[in-house]
Structures are given as C-alpha cells and as structure tokens.
Amino acid sequence: MNTIEAIHTLSQALREDEGYRQSWVANIAMAYMDSEHWFREENNKNGYLSKQDRREIANTAAEYFVQNLERK
C-alpha cells in the first residue's frame, strides 16, 4: 500500500468508526497533556504559558504522538 492509499484508508476509518476516531482524538489530546505536564515540571512553570512555550509543547506533543504511533 502506498502513502496515498494508506491516508485514504485511515481517513475512511476515522469517518466511519466513531470509536476509532475517539481513540485518535484521546491519544492526541493526551500527548499534549503529557507534554505540557513535562514542560511545566522541567521549566518550573505553574502559571501562564507564553506563545513560545505553547509552540514548544505542541511540537513536543506531536513528536511524542508520532513516536507512539510508530511503536509496534
């Protein structure tokens, strides 16, 4: 299966299976929540997060999500 076919198959599954879609949504959300928690601990931040902080967290969360997706 090539990349375009794989994306089409994934997109179709996300549209047709609400439980499967929710599992993706939950995993993406938790990747962000975990990454924000770790960022706050590592940087001793308890309050306001700047735009740069949020950008760093989002990028870390995206990488974390993809790494988890790649696991076998």
Protein backbone atom coordinates (compact mmCIF):
# COMPACT_ATOMS: atom_id res chain seq x y z
CA MET A 1 0.00 0.00 0.00
CA ASN A 2 1.42 3.40 -0.91
CA THR A 3 1.19 6.51 1.23
CA ILE A 4 -1.84 7.96 -0.55
CA GLU A 5 -3.76 4.69 -0.17
CA ALA A 6 -2.78 4.47 3.49
CA ILE A 7 -4.00 8.02 4.17
CA HIS A 8 -7.25 7.29 2.31
CA THR A 9 -7.78 4.11 4.37
CA LEU A 10 -7.08 5.94 7.63
CA SER A 11 -9.36 8.85 6.68
CA GLN A 12 -12.16 6.48 5.76
CA ALA A 13 -11.81 4.59 9.05
CA LEU A 14 -11.87 7.86 11.01
CA ARG A 15 -15.08 8.92 9.23
CA GLU A 16 -16.84 5.58 9.55
CA ASP A 17 -15.90 4.36 13.03
CA GLU A 18 -16.70 6.80 15.83
CA GLY A 19 -14.95 4.70 18.47
CA TYR A 20 -11.78 4.54 16.39
CA ARG A 21 -11.98 8.30 15.78
CA GLN A 22 -12.37 8.95 19.50
CA SER A 23 -9.32 6.80 20.25
CA TRP A 24 -7.24 9.03 17.94
CA VAL A 25 -8.66 12.20 19.48
CA ALA A 26 -7.95 10.93 23.00
CA ASN A 27 -4.39 9.90 22.13
CA ILE A 28 -3.62 13.27 20.51
CA ALA A 29 -5.09 15.12 23.50
CA MET A 30 -3.12 13.02 25.98
CA ALA A 31 0.12 13.57 24.03
CA TYR A 32 -0.43 17.31 24.52
CA MET A 33 -1.42 16.98 28.18
CA ASP A 34 1.60 14.79 28.97
CA SER A 35 3.94 17.13 27.11
CA GLU A 36 2.58 20.19 28.90
CA HIS A 37 2.98 18.45 32.26
CA TRP A 38 6.59 17.51 31.49
CA PHE A 39 7.33 21.02 30.18
CA ARG A 40 5.95 22.63 33.33
CA GLU A 41 7.98 20.28 35.56
CA GLU A 42 11.22 20.73 33.60
CA ASN A 43 10.86 24.53 33.44
CA ASN A 44 9.28 25.13 36.86
CA LYS A 45 6.24 26.86 35.31
CA ASN A 46 2.99 26.89 37.23
CA GLY A 47 1.02 29.70 35.64
CA TYR A 48 0.99 31.50 32.34
CA LEU A 49 2.49 29.81 29.30
CA SER A 50 3.79 32.10 26.58
CA LYS A 51 3.12 31.57 22.90
CA GLN A 52 6.67 30.21 22.56
CA ASP A 53 6.03 27.80 25.48
CA ARG A 54 2.83 26.54 23.85
CA ARG A 55 4.57 26.16 20.49
CA GLU A 56 7.35 24.11 22.09
CA ILE A 57 4.81 21.95 23.93
CA ALA A 58 2.78 21.40 20.75
CA ASN A 59 5.84 20.35 18.77
CA THR A 60 6.97 18.00 21.53
CA ALA A 61 3.46 16.56 21.75
CA ALA A 62 3.29 15.99 18.01
CA GLU A 63 6.62 14.16 18.04
CA TYR A 64 5.54 12.11 21.07
CA PHE A 65 2.28 11.16 19.34
CA VAL A 66 4.08 10.08 16.16
CA GLN A 67 6.64 8.07 18.16
CA ASN A 68 3.80 6.24 19.92
CA LEU A 69 2.06 5.68 16.59
CA GLU A 70 5.21 4.10 15.15
CA ARG A 71 5.56 1.59 18.00
CA LYS A 72 4.77 -1.99 17.20
